[in-house]
Amino acid sequence: MRSWVWFHRASAILWALTLPAALKWWPQSVAFVIVASVYANVKSDWGAAEAADDREVVERLERIETMLTGLIIQRDKGAP
């Protein structure tokens, strides 16, 4: 999962670095505008999907709940 974070950060930096070229050639290049727009839409939707994927969090919470239940059971067995 950590590699995706770095991938997205690197991608954002690369797109930021294209800004000077975009400002220079934007008025003459409809294709550039189309590619940048499609990329931005795909990237934002993909990012939203990644953010909405809560499987890791749910699994971690379930493990914590299982551990706490086990501790409570052990505590209750040892209580007089």
Protein backbone atom coordinates (compact mmCIF):
# COMPACT_ATOMS: atom_id res chain seq x y z
CA MET A 1 0.00 0.00 0.00
CA ARG A 2 2.90 2.35 0.77
CA SER A 3 4.16 2.03 -2.81
CA TRP A 4 0.86 3.45 -4.07
CA VAL A 5 1.37 6.53 -1.91
CA TRP A 6 4.77 7.15 -3.46
CA PHE A 7 3.44 6.42 -6.94
CA HIS A 8 0.70 9.03 -6.54
CA ARG A 9 3.10 11.59 -5.07
CA ALA A 10 5.59 11.06 -7.89
CA SER A 11 2.79 11.33 -10.43
CA ALA A 12 1.62 14.60 -8.90
CA ILE A 13 5.17 15.99 -8.98
CA LEU A 14 5.61 14.98 -12.63
CA TRP A 15 2.35 16.67 -13.57
CA ALA A 16 3.38 19.79 -11.66
CA LEU A 17 6.63 19.80 -13.63
CA THR A 18 4.68 19.83 -16.90
CA LEU A 19 3.12 23.17 -15.94
CA PRO A 20 5.66 25.38 -17.77
CA ALA A 21 5.27 23.33 -20.96
CA ALA A 22 1.50 23.35 -20.59
CA LEU A 23 1.42 27.12 -20.23
CA LYS A 24 3.66 27.53 -23.28
CA TRP A 25 1.95 25.06 -25.64
CA TRP A 26 -1.59 24.94 -24.25
CA PRO A 27 -3.07 27.51 -26.66
CA GLN A 28 -1.78 25.57 -29.67
CA SER A 29 -2.46 22.02 -28.49
CA VAL A 30 -5.97 20.70 -28.17
CA ALA A 31 -4.56 17.17 -27.87
CA PHE A 32 -2.52 18.17 -24.80
CA VAL A 33 -5.60 19.64 -23.14
CA ILE A 34 -7.61 16.50 -23.91
CA VAL A 35 -4.92 14.17 -22.52
CA ALA A 36 -4.45 16.29 -19.39
CA SER A 37 -8.20 16.48 -18.78
CA VAL A 38 -8.78 12.77 -19.25
CA TYR A 39 -5.79 11.97 -17.04
CA ALA A 40 -7.06 14.31 -14.31
CA ASN A 41 -10.49 12.69 -14.34
CA VAL A 42 -9.12 9.14 -14.29
CA LYS A 43 -6.62 10.00 -11.55
CA SER A 44 -9.19 11.66 -9.31
CA ASP A 45 -11.67 8.81 -9.70
CA TRP A 46 -8.96 6.25 -9.02
CA GLY A 47 -7.83 8.19 -5.96
CA ALA A 48 -11.39 8.38 -4.67
CA ALA A 49 -11.78 4.63 -5.12
CA GLU A 50 -8.53 4.00 -3.23
CA ALA A 51 -9.65 6.30 -0.42
CA ALA A 52 -13.03 4.58 -0.21
CA ASP A 53 -11.44 1.12 0.04
CA ASP A 54 -11.53 0.52 3.78
CA ARG A 55 -10.74 -3.19 3.85
CA GLU A 56 -7.41 -2.70 5.64
CA VAL A 57 -8.98 -0.55 8.33
CA VAL A 58 -11.88 -2.96 8.87
CA GLU A 59 -9.53 -5.95 9.07
CA ARG A 60 -7.31 -4.16 11.57
CA LEU A 61 -10.29 -3.19 13.72
CA GLU A 62 -11.51 -6.79 13.65
CA ARG A 63 -8.07 -8.02 14.82
CA ILE A 64 -8.07 -5.46 17.63
CA GLU A 65 -11.58 -6.46 18.66
CA THR A 66 -10.58 -10.14 18.70
CA MET A 67 -7.54 -9.38 20.85
CA LEU A 68 -9.59 -7.29 23.28
CA THR A 69 -12.23 -10.01 23.55
CA GLY A 70 -9.50 -12.54 24.32
CA LEU A 71 -8.03 -10.28 26.99
CA ILE A 72 -11.43 -9.73 28.58
CA ILE A 73 -12.08 -13.48 28.65
CA GLN A 74 -8.66 -14.11 30.23
CA ARG A 75 -9.27 -11.39 32.81
CA ASP A 76 -12.70 -12.78 33.69
CA LYS A 77 -11.33 -16.32 34.07
CA GLY A 78 -8.70 -15.08 36.49
CA ALA A 79 -11.15 -12.99 38.54
CA PRO A 80 -12.42 -14.47 41.81
